[in-house]
Amino acid sequence: MAYFDFLSGTTYLDSNNNQISLRALTALADEKRATRAKSAQFRLTHRVHESRQFDFTFNYLNFSDNNNRYGIDGTYYERWISGPIYKMATYLNAGYSTNTRDSVSDPSFNGYYFNPAQDASVSITLDNDFLTYRHYDTAFIQRVAVSIGNYWQQHYGSNPVGNIQYEHRWKTANRFEIAYGGIRGYHYYDGNLTESWYMYMNLNLRF
């Protein structure tokens, strides 16, 4: 990582990306035809101050089925309220990606993952933090984030999308943090609405 005042850049390379679709990783595994992918990512961050930040991310995936995916994403973060009890911020996101192969324009291609020829999205997220409990170095924070936006996919047009996230976050001694929560999402794939639940838990320990 390199820093230039408030500007930083990171590069990520992976010879076997395990963040691709589970369907791709497990497709026809018994015939040893499961899809794999190499990936590269470059992120540029401009931190104006603690309440404003801009991120630009460039992604590349090289799939073992001769498909290549290119993507670019941008995020503008702004914290509007920084009170001792309540904090409120917004995220404005925009993204675009393209695949060199897709099943609509290339019927001979049978990809086992979602890979539109081109797609794009724009969304805004309202992020709310509520300090619910504090005793010395121990704090309990509740977080509610609501996102709304629009998703466009070539051959299928555009549709509204969104999600809502609820999270608990515990901190103690400025060293240990645990966060857990759930996300209820609404997204369109090939013109069909998909509703999903996503649960998670993260642990952080600083040495």
N, C-alpha and C. Protein backbone atom coordinates (compact mmCIF):
# COMPACT_ATOMS: atom_id res chain seq x y z
N MET A 1 0.84 -1.18 0.00
CA MET A 1 0.00 0.00 0.00
C MET A 1 0.88 1.24 0.00
N ALA A 2 0.50 2.23 -0.81
CA ALA A 2 1.26 3.47 -0.88
C ALA A 2 0.38 4.65 -0.50
N TYR A 3 0.91 5.61 0.23
CA TYR A 3 0.15 6.76 0.67
C TYR A 3 0.78 8.04 0.11
N PHE A 4 -0.06 8.92 -0.40
CA PHE A 4 0.38 10.23 -0.85
C PHE A 4 -0.60 11.24 -0.26
N ASP A 5 -0.24 11.79 0.90
CA ASP A 5 -1.15 12.66 1.64
C ASP A 5 -2.44 11.89 1.94
N PHE A 6 -3.54 12.29 1.28
CA PHE A 6 -4.83 11.64 1.52
C PHE A 6 -5.18 10.64 0.43
N LEU A 7 -4.22 10.32 -0.44
CA LEU A 7 -4.47 9.41 -1.55
C LEU A 7 -3.77 8.08 -1.28
N SER A 8 -4.48 6.96 -1.46
CA SER A 8 -3.88 5.64 -1.26
C SER A 8 -4.35 4.69 -2.35
N GLY A 9 -3.51 3.70 -2.64
CA GLY A 9 -3.86 2.71 -3.64
C GLY A 9 -3.50 1.32 -3.16
N THR A 10 -4.32 0.33 -3.49
CA THR A 10 -4.05 -1.07 -3.14
C THR A 10 -4.24 -1.94 -4.37
N THR A 11 -3.45 -3.00 -4.44
CA THR A 11 -3.53 -3.96 -5.54
C THR A 11 -3.73 -5.35 -4.96
N TYR A 12 -4.60 -6.13 -5.60
CA TYR A 12 -4.93 -7.47 -5.11
C TYR A 12 -4.88 -8.44 -6.28
N LEU A 13 -4.15 -9.54 -6.10
CA LEU A 13 -4.05 -10.58 -7.11
C LEU A 13 -4.40 -11.92 -6.48
N ASP A 14 -5.14 -12.76 -7.20
CA ASP A 14 -5.55 -14.07 -6.67
C ASP A 14 -5.50 -15.09 -7.80
N SER A 15 -4.74 -16.15 -7.60
CA SER A 15 -4.60 -17.18 -8.63
C SER A 15 -5.77 -18.17 -8.63
N ASN A 16 -6.59 -18.14 -7.57
CA ASN A 16 -7.76 -19.02 -7.50
C ASN A 16 -8.81 -18.34 -6.63
N ASN A 17 -9.60 -17.49 -7.24
CA ASN A 17 -10.57 -16.68 -6.51
C ASN A 17 -11.72 -17.55 -6.00
N ASN A 18 -11.93 -17.55 -4.66
CA ASN A 18 -13.01 -18.35 -4.08
C ASN A 18 -14.24 -17.50 -3.76
N GLN A 19 -14.28 -16.25 -4.27
CA GLN A 19 -15.42 -15.38 -4.05
C GLN A 19 -16.40 -15.40 -5.22
N ILE A 20 -16.12 -16.21 -6.25
CA ILE A 20 -17.05 -16.29 -7.36
C ILE A 20 -18.24 -17.15 -6.96
N SER A 21 -19.22 -17.23 -7.84
CA SER A 21 -20.46 -17.95 -7.55
C SER A 21 -20.19 -19.38 -7.10
N LEU A 22 -20.91 -19.79 -6.05
CA LEU A 22 -20.80 -21.17 -5.57
C LEU A 22 -21.22 -22.16 -6.65
N ARG A 23 -22.17 -21.77 -7.48
CA ARG A 23 -22.60 -22.64 -8.58
C ARG A 23 -21.45 -22.88 -9.55
N ALA A 24 -20.62 -21.85 -9.76
CA ALA A 24 -19.48 -22.02 -10.66
C ALA A 24 -18.44 -22.94 -10.04
N LEU A 25 -18.21 -22.79 -8.74
CA LEU A 25 -17.19 -23.59 -8.06
C LEU A 25 -17.56 -25.07 -7.99
N THR A 26 -18.86 -25.36 -7.92
CA THR A 26 -19.29 -26.74 -7.72
C THR A 26 -19.91 -27.37 -8.96
N ALA A 27 -20.07 -26.62 -10.03
CA ALA A 27 -20.75 -27.14 -11.22
C ALA A 27 -20.03 -28.35 -11.80
N LEU A 28 -20.75 -29.44 -11.91
CA LEU A 28 -20.24 -30.67 -12.51
C LEU A 28 -18.90 -31.08 -11.92
N ALA A 29 -18.78 -30.91 -10.60
CA ALA A 29 -17.52 -31.21 -9.94
C ALA A 29 -17.13 -32.68 -10.11
N ASP A 30 -18.13 -33.56 -10.22
CA ASP A 30 -17.83 -34.98 -10.36
C ASP A 30 -17.18 -35.28 -11.70
N GLU A 31 -17.35 -34.37 -12.67
CA GLU A 31 -16.72 -34.55 -13.98
C GLU A 31 -15.48 -33.66 -14.12
N LYS A 32 -15.08 -33.05 -13.00
CA LYS A 32 -13.90 -32.18 -12.97
C LYS A 32 -14.03 -31.02 -13.96
N ARG A 33 -15.25 -30.48 -14.04
CA ARG A 33 -15.50 -29.36 -14.94
C ARG A 33 -15.94 -28.12 -14.18
N ALA A 34 -15.70 -28.08 -12.91
CA ALA A 34 -16.05 -26.90 -12.12
C ALA A 34 -15.25 -25.70 -12.62
N THR A 35 -15.88 -24.54 -12.58
CA THR A 35 -15.25 -23.32 -13.08
C THR A 35 -14.35 -22.71 -12.03
N ARG A 36 -13.19 -22.23 -12.44
CA ARG A 36 -12.27 -21.52 -11.58
C ARG A 36 -12.01 -20.15 -12.17
N ALA A 37 -11.40 -19.27 -11.38
CA ALA A 37 -11.13 -17.92 -11.88
C ALA A 37 -9.90 -17.33 -11.21
N LYS A 38 -9.09 -16.66 -12.01
CA LYS A 38 -8.01 -15.82 -11.51
C LYS A 38 -8.54 -14.38 -11.48
N SER A 39 -8.04 -13.59 -10.55
CA SER A 39 -8.58 -12.24 -10.43
C SER A 39 -7.50 -11.22 -10.10
N ALA A 40 -7.82 -9.98 -10.43
CA ALA A 40 -6.95 -8.85 -10.10
C ALA A 40 -7.84 -7.67 -9.75
N GLN A 41 -7.38 -6.87 -8.79
CA GLN A 41 -8.16 -5.70 -8.37
C GLN A 41 -7.21 -4.56 -8.02
N PHE A 42 -7.61 -3.37 -8.41
CA PHE A 42 -6.87 -2.16 -8.03
C PHE A 42 -7.86 -1.16 -7.46
N ARG A 43 -7.56 -0.65 -6.27
CA ARG A 43 -8.44 0.32 -5.62
C ARG A 43 -7.69 1.61 -5.33
N LEU A 44 -8.32 2.72 -5.67
CA LEU A 44 -7.77 4.04 -5.40
C LEU A 44 -8.72 4.77 -4.46
N THR A 45 -8.19 5.26 -3.33
CA THR A 45 -9.00 5.93 -2.31
C THR A 45 -8.49 7.35 -2.09
N HIS A 46 -9.42 8.29 -2.14
CA HIS A 46 -9.09 9.68 -1.82
C HIS A 46 -9.89 10.07 -0.58
N ARG A 47 -9.20 10.20 0.55
CA ARG A 47 -9.83 10.55 1.82
C ARG A 47 -9.65 12.05 2.04
N VAL A 48 -10.72 12.79 1.85
CA VAL A 48 -10.66 14.24 2.00
C VAL A 48 -10.47 14.61 3.46
N HIS A 49 -11.29 14.02 4.33
CA HIS A 49 -11.16 14.14 5.78
C HIS A 49 -11.96 12.99 6.39
N GLU A 50 -12.11 12.95 7.70
CA GLU A 50 -12.73 11.80 8.35
C GLU A 50 -14.20 11.61 7.98
N SER A 51 -14.82 12.63 7.38
CA SER A 51 -16.25 12.53 7.05
C SER A 51 -16.52 12.50 5.55
N ARG A 52 -15.46 12.44 4.73
CA ARG A 52 -15.69 12.41 3.28
C ARG A 52 -14.61 11.57 2.61
N GLN A 53 -15.05 10.66 1.74
CA GLN A 53 -14.10 9.76 1.08
C GLN A 53 -14.63 9.32 -0.27
N PHE A 54 -13.73 9.15 -1.23
CA PHE A 54 -14.06 8.67 -2.56
C PHE A 54 -13.24 7.41 -2.84
N ASP A 55 -13.91 6.36 -3.36
CA ASP A 55 -13.24 5.11 -3.70
C ASP A 55 -13.54 4.74 -5.14
N PHE A 56 -12.50 4.32 -5.86
CA PHE A 56 -12.65 3.82 -7.23
C PHE A 56 -11.97 2.46 -7.31
N THR A 57 -12.71 1.46 -7.80
CA THR A 57 -12.20 0.09 -7.84
C THR A 57 -12.31 -0.47 -9.25
N PHE A 58 -11.22 -1.09 -9.70
CA PHE A 58 -11.17 -1.74 -11.01
C PHE A 58 -10.97 -3.25 -10.77
N ASN A 59 -11.86 -4.07 -11.36
CA ASN A 59 -11.82 -5.51 -11.15
C ASN A 59 -11.64 -6.26 -12.47
N TYR A 60 -10.93 -7.38 -12.39
CA TYR A 60 -10.77 -8.25 -13.56
C TYR A 60 -10.83 -9.70 -13.10
N LEU A 61 -11.62 -10.51 -13.79
CA LEU A 61 -11.73 -11.95 -13.52
C LEU A 61 -11.49 -12.71 -14.81
N ASN A 62 -10.59 -13.68 -14.74
CA ASN A 62 -10.30 -14.56 -15.87
C ASN A 62 -10.79 -15.96 -15.53
N PHE A 63 -11.95 -16.35 -16.10
CA PHE A 63 -12.55 -17.64 -15.79
C PHE A 63 -11.93 -18.75 -16.63
N SER A 64 -11.97 -19.96 -16.10
CA SER A 64 -11.38 -21.10 -16.79
C SER A 64 -12.19 -21.53 -18.01
N ASP A 65 -13.41 -20.98 -18.21
CA ASP A 65 -14.22 -21.29 -19.39
C ASP A 65 -14.03 -20.26 -20.50
N ASN A 66 -12.92 -19.52 -20.42
CA ASN A 66 -12.54 -18.52 -21.43
C ASN A 66 -13.41 -17.26 -21.41
N ASN A 67 -14.07 -17.03 -20.30
CA ASN A 67 -14.80 -15.78 -20.14
C ASN A 67 -13.95 -14.82 -19.31
N ASN A 68 -13.98 -13.54 -19.71
CA ASN A 68 -13.28 -12.49 -18.97
C ASN A 68 -14.28 -11.43 -18.53
N ARG A 69 -14.21 -11.07 -17.26
CA ARG A 69 -15.10 -10.04 -16.72
C ARG A 69 -14.29 -8.81 -16.31
N TYR A 70 -14.76 -7.65 -16.74
CA TYR A 70 -14.14 -6.38 -16.38
C TYR A 70 -15.17 -5.53 -15.66
N GLY A 71 -14.77 -4.91 -14.58
CA GLY A 71 -15.70 -4.09 -13.82
C GLY A 71 -15.05 -2.86 -13.22
N ILE A 72 -15.86 -1.83 -13.04
CA ILE A 72 -15.41 -0.61 -12.39
C ILE A 72 -16.51 -0.13 -11.45
N ASP A 73 -16.13 0.29 -10.25
CA ASP A 73 -17.09 0.75 -9.25
C ASP A 73 -16.57 2.04 -8.62
N GLY A 74 -17.51 2.90 -8.25
CA GLY A 74 -17.15 4.14 -7.57
C GLY A 74 -18.08 4.38 -6.39
N THR A 75 -17.53 4.89 -5.28
CA THR A 75 -18.31 5.17 -4.07
C THR A 75 -17.95 6.53 -3.51
N TYR A 76 -18.96 7.31 -3.19
CA TYR A 76 -18.78 8.60 -2.52
C TYR A 76 -19.41 8.49 -1.13
N TYR A 77 -18.59 8.63 -0.10
CA TYR A 77 -19.04 8.52 1.29
C TYR A 77 -19.04 9.90 1.94
N GLU A 78 -20.12 10.21 2.65
CA GLU A 78 -20.22 11.48 3.38
C GLU A 78 -20.94 11.24 4.70
N ARG A 79 -20.29 11.65 5.79
CA ARG A 79 -20.94 11.60 7.10
C ARG A 79 -21.54 12.98 7.38
N TRP A 80 -22.85 12.99 7.63
CA TRP A 80 -23.57 14.24 7.81
C TRP A 80 -23.76 14.60 9.28
N ILE A 81 -23.91 13.58 10.13
CA ILE A 81 -24.12 13.81 11.56
C ILE A 81 -23.11 12.97 12.33
N SER A 82 -22.38 13.60 13.25
CA SER A 82 -21.36 12.91 14.04
C SER A 82 -21.55 13.18 15.52
N GLY A 83 -22.75 12.92 16.01
CA GLY A 83 -23.04 13.16 17.42
C GLY A 83 -22.49 12.06 18.31
N PRO A 84 -22.48 12.27 19.62
CA PRO A 84 -21.97 11.26 20.56
C PRO A 84 -22.87 10.02 20.66
N ILE A 85 -24.15 10.17 20.33
CA ILE A 85 -25.10 9.06 20.40
C ILE A 85 -25.49 8.56 19.00
N TYR A 86 -25.71 9.48 18.09
CA TYR A 86 -26.23 9.14 16.77
C TYR A 86 -25.29 9.65 15.67
N LYS A 87 -25.00 8.77 14.71
CA LYS A 87 -24.20 9.13 13.54
C LYS A 87 -24.96 8.73 12.29
N MET A 88 -24.92 9.59 11.28
CA MET A 88 -25.62 9.31 10.04
C MET A 88 -24.71 9.65 8.86
N ALA A 89 -24.66 8.71 7.91
CA ALA A 89 -23.83 8.90 6.72
C ALA A 89 -24.56 8.37 5.50
N THR A 90 -24.10 8.77 4.32
CA THR A 90 -24.65 8.26 3.07
C THR A 90 -23.52 7.72 2.20
N TYR A 91 -23.87 6.71 1.41
CA TYR A 91 -22.97 6.16 0.40
C TYR A 91 -23.67 6.26 -0.95
N LEU A 92 -23.02 6.87 -1.92
CA LEU A 92 -23.52 6.91 -3.29
C LEU A 92 -22.63 6.00 -4.12
N ASN A 93 -23.23 4.94 -4.68
CA ASN A 93 -22.47 3.93 -5.41
C ASN A 93 -22.90 3.86 -6.87
N ALA A 94 -21.95 3.62 -7.75
CA ALA A 94 -22.22 3.38 -9.16
C ALA A 94 -21.23 2.34 -9.67
N GLY A 95 -21.70 1.43 -10.52
CA GLY A 95 -20.83 0.39 -11.02
C GLY A 95 -21.22 -0.08 -12.41
N TYR A 96 -20.24 -0.64 -13.11
CA TYR A 96 -20.47 -1.17 -14.45
C TYR A 96 -19.57 -2.39 -14.65
N SER A 97 -20.09 -3.43 -15.31
CA SER A 97 -19.26 -4.59 -15.63
C SER A 97 -19.65 -5.16 -16.98
N THR A 98 -18.73 -5.89 -17.58
CA THR A 98 -18.98 -6.52 -18.87
C THR A 98 -18.27 -7.87 -18.91
N ASN A 99 -18.88 -8.83 -19.61
CA ASN A 99 -18.30 -10.15 -19.79
C ASN A 99 -18.05 -10.38 -21.27
N THR A 100 -16.98 -11.06 -21.61
CA THR A 100 -16.68 -11.32 -23.01
C THR A 100 -17.53 -12.45 -23.58
N ARG A 101 -18.15 -13.27 -22.69
CA ARG A 101 -19.04 -14.34 -23.14
C ARG A 101 -20.31 -14.32 -22.29
N ASP A 102 -21.46 -14.56 -22.92
CA ASP A 102 -22.71 -14.68 -22.18
C ASP A 102 -23.64 -15.58 -22.98
N SER A 103 -24.59 -16.19 -22.29
CA SER A 103 -25.44 -17.21 -22.91
C SER A 103 -26.47 -16.63 -23.88
N VAL A 104 -26.76 -15.32 -23.81
CA VAL A 104 -27.75 -14.72 -24.71
C VAL A 104 -27.15 -14.50 -26.10
N SER A 105 -26.00 -13.83 -26.15
CA SER A 105 -25.39 -13.55 -27.44
C SER A 105 -24.54 -14.70 -27.96
N ASP A 106 -24.21 -15.65 -27.08
CA ASP A 106 -23.40 -16.81 -27.45
C ASP A 106 -24.08 -18.07 -26.92
N PRO A 107 -25.08 -18.60 -27.66
CA PRO A 107 -25.86 -19.76 -27.18
C PRO A 107 -25.02 -20.99 -26.87
N SER A 108 -23.82 -21.09 -27.47
CA SER A 108 -22.98 -22.26 -27.21
C SER A 108 -22.30 -22.19 -25.85
N PHE A 109 -22.38 -21.02 -25.20
CA PHE A 109 -21.73 -20.86 -23.90
C PHE A 109 -22.71 -21.26 -22.80
N ASN A 110 -22.30 -22.18 -21.94
CA ASN A 110 -23.15 -22.67 -20.86
C ASN A 110 -22.48 -22.37 -19.52
N GLY A 111 -22.45 -21.09 -19.16
CA GLY A 111 -21.82 -20.68 -17.92
C GLY A 111 -22.66 -21.06 -16.71
N TYR A 112 -22.00 -21.50 -15.63
CA TYR A 112 -22.72 -21.91 -14.43
C TYR A 112 -22.70 -20.80 -13.38
N TYR A 113 -22.81 -19.57 -13.83
CA TYR A 113 -22.81 -18.41 -12.94
C TYR A 113 -23.45 -17.25 -13.69
N PHE A 114 -23.84 -16.22 -12.95
CA PHE A 114 -24.50 -15.06 -13.53
C PHE A 114 -23.45 -14.21 -14.25
N ASN A 115 -23.59 -14.04 -15.57
CA ASN A 115 -22.59 -13.30 -16.33
C ASN A 115 -23.24 -12.54 -17.49
N PRO A 116 -23.93 -11.45 -17.20
CA PRO A 116 -24.55 -10.66 -18.27
C PRO A 116 -23.51 -10.04 -19.19
N ALA A 117 -23.87 -9.84 -20.44
CA ALA A 117 -22.95 -9.21 -21.39
C ALA A 117 -22.51 -7.85 -20.87
N GLN A 118 -23.46 -7.08 -20.36
CA GLN A 118 -23.17 -5.79 -19.74
C GLN A 118 -24.22 -5.52 -18.67
N ASP A 119 -23.82 -4.91 -17.58
CA ASP A 119 -24.79 -4.47 -16.58
C ASP A 119 -24.22 -3.27 -15.84
N ALA A 120 -25.12 -2.54 -15.19
CA ALA A 120 -24.71 -1.34 -14.46
C ALA A 120 -25.70 -1.10 -13.33
N SER A 121 -25.25 -0.40 -12.31
CA SER A 121 -26.13 -0.11 -11.17
C SER A 121 -25.77 1.22 -10.56
N VAL A 122 -26.74 1.82 -9.90
CA VAL A 122 -26.53 3.04 -9.12
C VAL A 122 -27.41 2.94 -7.89
N SER A 123 -26.89 3.34 -6.73
CA SER A 123 -27.67 3.23 -5.51
C SER A 123 -27.20 4.26 -4.49
N ILE A 124 -28.06 4.52 -3.52
CA ILE A 124 -27.71 5.38 -2.40
C ILE A 124 -28.09 4.66 -1.11
N THR A 125 -27.22 4.73 -0.13
CA THR A 125 -27.43 4.05 1.15
C THR A 125 -27.45 5.07 2.28
N LEU A 126 -28.45 4.96 3.13
CA LEU A 126 -28.55 5.77 4.33
C LEU A 126 -28.11 4.90 5.50
N ASP A 127 -27.00 5.27 6.14
CA ASP A 127 -26.37 4.47 7.18
C ASP A 127 -26.53 5.16 8.53
N ASN A 128 -27.15 4.46 9.50
CA ASN A 128 -27.44 5.03 10.81
C ASN A 128 -26.77 4.21 11.92
N ASP A 129 -26.01 4.87 12.80
CA ASP A 129 -25.39 4.24 13.96
C ASP A 129 -25.98 4.81 15.24
N PHE A 130 -26.41 3.92 16.15
CA PHE A 130 -26.98 4.35 17.42
C PHE A 130 -26.16 3.76 18.57
N LEU A 131 -25.53 4.61 19.37
CA LEU A 131 -24.82 4.14 20.56
C LEU A 131 -25.87 3.83 21.62
N THR A 132 -26.05 2.55 21.91
CA THR A 132 -27.11 2.10 22.80
C THR A 132 -26.64 1.93 24.23
N TYR A 133 -25.38 1.55 24.40
CA TYR A 133 -24.86 1.29 25.75
C TYR A 133 -23.36 1.59 25.78
N ARG A 134 -22.92 2.23 26.87
CA ARG A 134 -21.49 2.43 27.08
C ARG A 134 -21.17 2.36 28.56
N HIS A 135 -20.10 1.63 28.89
CA HIS A 135 -19.61 1.56 30.26
C HIS A 135 -18.09 1.46 30.18
N TYR A 136 -17.43 2.56 30.53
CA TYR A 136 -15.98 2.65 30.39
C TYR A 136 -15.58 2.34 28.94
N ASP A 137 -14.77 1.27 28.74
CA ASP A 137 -14.29 0.97 27.38
C ASP A 137 -15.19 0.03 26.60
N THR A 138 -16.33 -0.33 27.17
CA THR A 138 -17.25 -1.24 26.48
C THR A 138 -18.41 -0.46 25.88
N ALA A 139 -18.70 -0.73 24.61
CA ALA A 139 -19.78 -0.03 23.93
C ALA A 139 -20.60 -0.99 23.07
N PHE A 140 -21.90 -0.74 23.01
CA PHE A 140 -22.80 -1.52 22.17
C PHE A 140 -23.47 -0.55 21.19
N ILE A 141 -23.35 -0.83 19.90
CA ILE A 141 -23.87 0.04 18.85
C ILE A 141 -24.82 -0.76 17.97
N GLN A 142 -25.96 -0.15 17.68
CA GLN A 142 -26.90 -0.73 16.72
C GLN A 142 -26.80 0.06 15.41
N ARG A 143 -26.85 -0.68 14.32
CA ARG A 143 -26.71 -0.06 13.00
C ARG A 143 -27.86 -0.48 12.10
N VAL A 144 -28.45 0.51 11.42
CA VAL A 144 -29.50 0.26 10.44
C VAL A 144 -29.10 0.98 9.15
N ALA A 145 -29.04 0.23 8.05
CA ALA A 145 -28.68 0.80 6.76
C ALA A 145 -29.74 0.41 5.73
N VAL A 146 -30.22 1.39 4.98
CA VAL A 146 -31.23 1.17 3.95
C VAL A 146 -30.69 1.65 2.62
N SER A 147 -30.77 0.79 1.60
CA SER A 147 -30.28 1.13 0.26
C SER A 147 -31.40 1.03 -0.76
N ILE A 148 -31.44 1.99 -1.68
CA ILE A 148 -32.35 1.94 -2.81
C ILE A 148 -31.56 2.31 -4.06
N GLY A 149 -31.96 1.75 -5.20
CA GLY A 149 -31.23 2.06 -6.41
C GLY A 149 -31.89 1.46 -7.63
N ASN A 150 -31.11 1.41 -8.72
CA ASN A 150 -31.62 0.87 -9.98
C ASN A 150 -30.54 0.00 -10.61
N TYR A 151 -30.97 -1.13 -11.17
CA TYR A 151 -30.04 -2.06 -11.81
C TYR A 151 -30.46 -2.26 -13.26
N TRP A 152 -29.47 -2.13 -14.16
CA TRP A 152 -29.72 -2.32 -15.59
C TRP A 152 -28.91 -3.50 -16.09
N GLN A 153 -29.54 -4.37 -16.90
CA GLN A 153 -28.87 -5.51 -17.50
C GLN A 153 -29.20 -5.55 -18.98
N GLN A 154 -28.18 -5.67 -19.81
CA GLN A 154 -28.40 -5.73 -21.24
C GLN A 154 -29.34 -6.89 -21.58
N HIS A 155 -30.27 -6.61 -22.49
CA HIS A 155 -31.31 -7.55 -22.95
C HIS A 155 -32.51 -7.63 -22.00
N TYR A 156 -32.38 -7.07 -20.77
CA TYR A 156 -33.49 -7.20 -19.81
C TYR A 156 -33.95 -5.86 -19.25
N GLY A 157 -33.32 -4.77 -19.62
CA GLY A 157 -33.75 -3.46 -19.15
C GLY A 157 -33.33 -3.17 -17.72
N SER A 158 -34.01 -2.19 -17.09
CA SER A 158 -33.65 -1.75 -15.74
C SER A 158 -34.80 -1.97 -14.77
N ASN A 159 -34.44 -2.17 -13.50
CA ASN A 159 -35.43 -2.43 -12.46
C ASN A 159 -34.93 -1.84 -11.13
N PRO A 160 -35.86 -1.47 -10.23
CA PRO A 160 -35.45 -0.98 -8.91
C PRO A 160 -34.91 -2.11 -8.05
N VAL A 161 -33.92 -1.81 -7.23
CA VAL A 161 -33.32 -2.79 -6.31
C VAL A 161 -33.11 -2.12 -4.96
N GLY A 162 -32.81 -2.93 -3.96
CA GLY A 162 -32.55 -2.34 -2.64
C GLY A 162 -32.31 -3.41 -1.60
N ASN A 163 -31.92 -2.98 -0.41
CA ASN A 163 -31.79 -3.90 0.71
C ASN A 163 -31.86 -3.12 2.02
N ILE A 164 -32.06 -3.86 3.10
CA ILE A 164 -32.05 -3.28 4.44
C ILE A 164 -31.15 -4.15 5.32
N GLN A 165 -30.32 -3.50 6.13
CA GLN A 165 -29.35 -4.19 6.95
C GLN A 165 -29.50 -3.77 8.41
N TYR A 166 -29.46 -4.75 9.30
CA TYR A 166 -29.51 -4.48 10.74
C TYR A 166 -28.33 -5.18 11.39
N GLU A 167 -27.60 -4.45 12.25
CA GLU A 167 -26.36 -4.97 12.81
C GLU A 167 -26.19 -4.58 14.27
N HIS A 168 -25.60 -5.50 15.05
CA HIS A 168 -25.12 -5.22 16.41
C HIS A 168 -23.60 -5.21 16.38
N ARG A 169 -23.02 -4.25 17.07
CA ARG A 169 -21.57 -4.16 17.14
C ARG A 169 -21.14 -3.91 18.58
N TRP A 170 -20.29 -4.78 19.11
CA TRP A 170 -19.75 -4.65 20.46
C TRP A 170 -18.26 -4.33 20.39
N LYS A 171 -17.83 -3.35 21.20
CA LYS A 171 -16.42 -2.99 21.27
C LYS A 171 -15.99 -2.95 22.73
N THR A 172 -14.75 -3.39 22.99
CA THR A 172 -14.23 -3.31 24.35
C THR A 172 -12.72 -3.12 24.32
N ALA A 173 -12.23 -2.28 25.23
CA ALA A 173 -10.80 -2.03 25.43
C ALA A 173 -10.10 -1.53 24.17
N ASN A 174 -10.86 -1.01 23.20
CA ASN A 174 -10.29 -0.53 21.95
C ASN A 174 -9.47 -1.59 21.21
N ARG A 175 -9.68 -2.86 21.57
CA ARG A 175 -8.92 -3.94 20.95
C ARG A 175 -9.80 -5.02 20.34
N PHE A 176 -10.93 -5.29 20.97
CA PHE A 176 -11.78 -6.39 20.53
C PHE A 176 -13.11 -5.85 20.02
N GLU A 177 -13.55 -6.37 18.87
CA GLU A 177 -14.82 -5.95 18.29
C GLU A 177 -15.49 -7.15 17.64
N ILE A 178 -16.79 -7.29 17.91
CA ILE A 178 -17.59 -8.32 17.26
C ILE A 178 -18.82 -7.65 16.65
N ALA A 179 -19.11 -8.00 15.41
CA ALA A 179 -20.27 -7.46 14.71
C ALA A 179 -21.03 -8.61 14.07
N TYR A 180 -22.36 -8.58 14.19
CA TYR A 180 -23.19 -9.60 13.58
C TYR A 180 -24.50 -8.96 13.15
N GLY A 181 -25.08 -9.52 12.11
CA GLY A 181 -26.33 -8.93 11.62
C GLY A 181 -26.89 -9.70 10.45
N GLY A 182 -27.88 -9.08 9.80
CA GLY A 182 -28.54 -9.69 8.66
C GLY A 182 -28.89 -8.66 7.61
N ILE A 183 -28.97 -9.11 6.37
CA ILE A 183 -29.32 -8.25 5.24
C ILE A 183 -30.46 -8.89 4.47
N ARG A 184 -31.49 -8.12 4.24
CA ARG A 184 -32.60 -8.55 3.40
C ARG A 184 -32.45 -7.83 2.06
N GLY A 185 -32.20 -8.59 0.98
CA GLY A 185 -31.90 -7.96 -0.30
C GLY A 185 -32.94 -8.24 -1.36
N TYR A 186 -33.05 -7.30 -2.30
CA TYR A 186 -33.96 -7.42 -3.45
C TYR A 186 -33.16 -7.07 -4.71
N HIS A 187 -33.02 -8.04 -5.62
CA HIS A 187 -32.21 -7.82 -6.81
C HIS A 187 -32.83 -8.55 -7.99
N TYR A 188 -32.54 -8.07 -9.20
CA TYR A 188 -33.04 -8.70 -10.41
C TYR A 188 -31.90 -9.40 -11.13
N TYR A 189 -32.17 -10.65 -11.56
CA TYR A 189 -31.23 -11.43 -12.35
C TYR A 189 -31.96 -11.94 -13.58
N ASP A 190 -31.47 -11.57 -14.76
CA ASP A 190 -32.12 -11.95 -16.02
C ASP A 190 -33.60 -11.56 -16.02
N GLY A 191 -33.90 -10.39 -15.46
CA GLY A 191 -35.26 -9.87 -15.45
C GLY A 191 -36.16 -10.42 -14.38
N ASN A 192 -35.66 -11.32 -13.53
CA ASN A 192 -36.48 -11.93 -12.48
C ASN A 192 -36.04 -11.42 -11.11
N LEU A 193 -37.02 -11.07 -10.29
CA LEU A 193 -36.74 -10.58 -8.94
C LEU A 193 -36.31 -11.72 -8.04
N THR A 194 -35.20 -11.50 -7.33
CA THR A 194 -34.71 -12.47 -6.35
C THR A 194 -34.65 -11.81 -4.98
N GLU A 195 -35.32 -12.41 -4.00
CA GLU A 195 -35.28 -11.91 -2.63
C GLU A 195 -34.38 -12.83 -1.81
N SER A 196 -33.49 -12.24 -1.01
CA SER A 196 -32.50 -13.05 -0.31
C SER A 196 -32.31 -12.58 1.12
N TRP A 197 -31.84 -13.51 1.95
CA TRP A 197 -31.40 -13.22 3.32
C TRP A 197 -29.92 -13.54 3.41
N TYR A 198 -29.18 -12.68 4.10
CA TYR A 198 -27.75 -12.90 4.27
C TYR A 198 -27.39 -12.61 5.72
N MET A 199 -26.86 -13.62 6.42
CA MET A 199 -26.45 -13.45 7.81
C MET A 199 -24.92 -13.48 7.89
N TYR A 200 -24.35 -12.73 8.83
CA TYR A 200 -22.91 -12.66 8.92
C TYR A 200 -22.46 -12.40 10.36
N MET A 201 -21.18 -12.69 10.63
CA MET A 201 -20.55 -12.38 11.89
C MET A 201 -19.07 -12.09 11.64
N ASN A 202 -18.56 -11.00 12.19
CA ASN A 202 -17.16 -10.61 12.03
C ASN A 202 -16.52 -10.38 13.39
N LEU A 203 -15.29 -10.87 13.54
CA LEU A 203 -14.51 -10.68 14.77
C LEU A 203 -13.22 -9.95 14.42
N ASN A 204 -12.87 -8.93 15.21
CA ASN A 204 -11.62 -8.20 15.03
C ASN A 204 -10.89 -8.08 16.37
N LEU A 205 -9.62 -8.43 16.35
CA LEU A 205 -8.80 -8.33 17.55
C LEU A 205 -7.50 -7.64 17.18
N ARG A 206 -7.25 -6.51 17.82
CA ARG A 206 -6.03 -5.73 17.54
C ARG A 206 -4.94 -6.08 18.55
N PHE A 207 -3.75 -6.31 18.05
CA PHE A 207 -2.62 -6.67 18.92
C PHE A 207 -1.72 -5.46 19.17
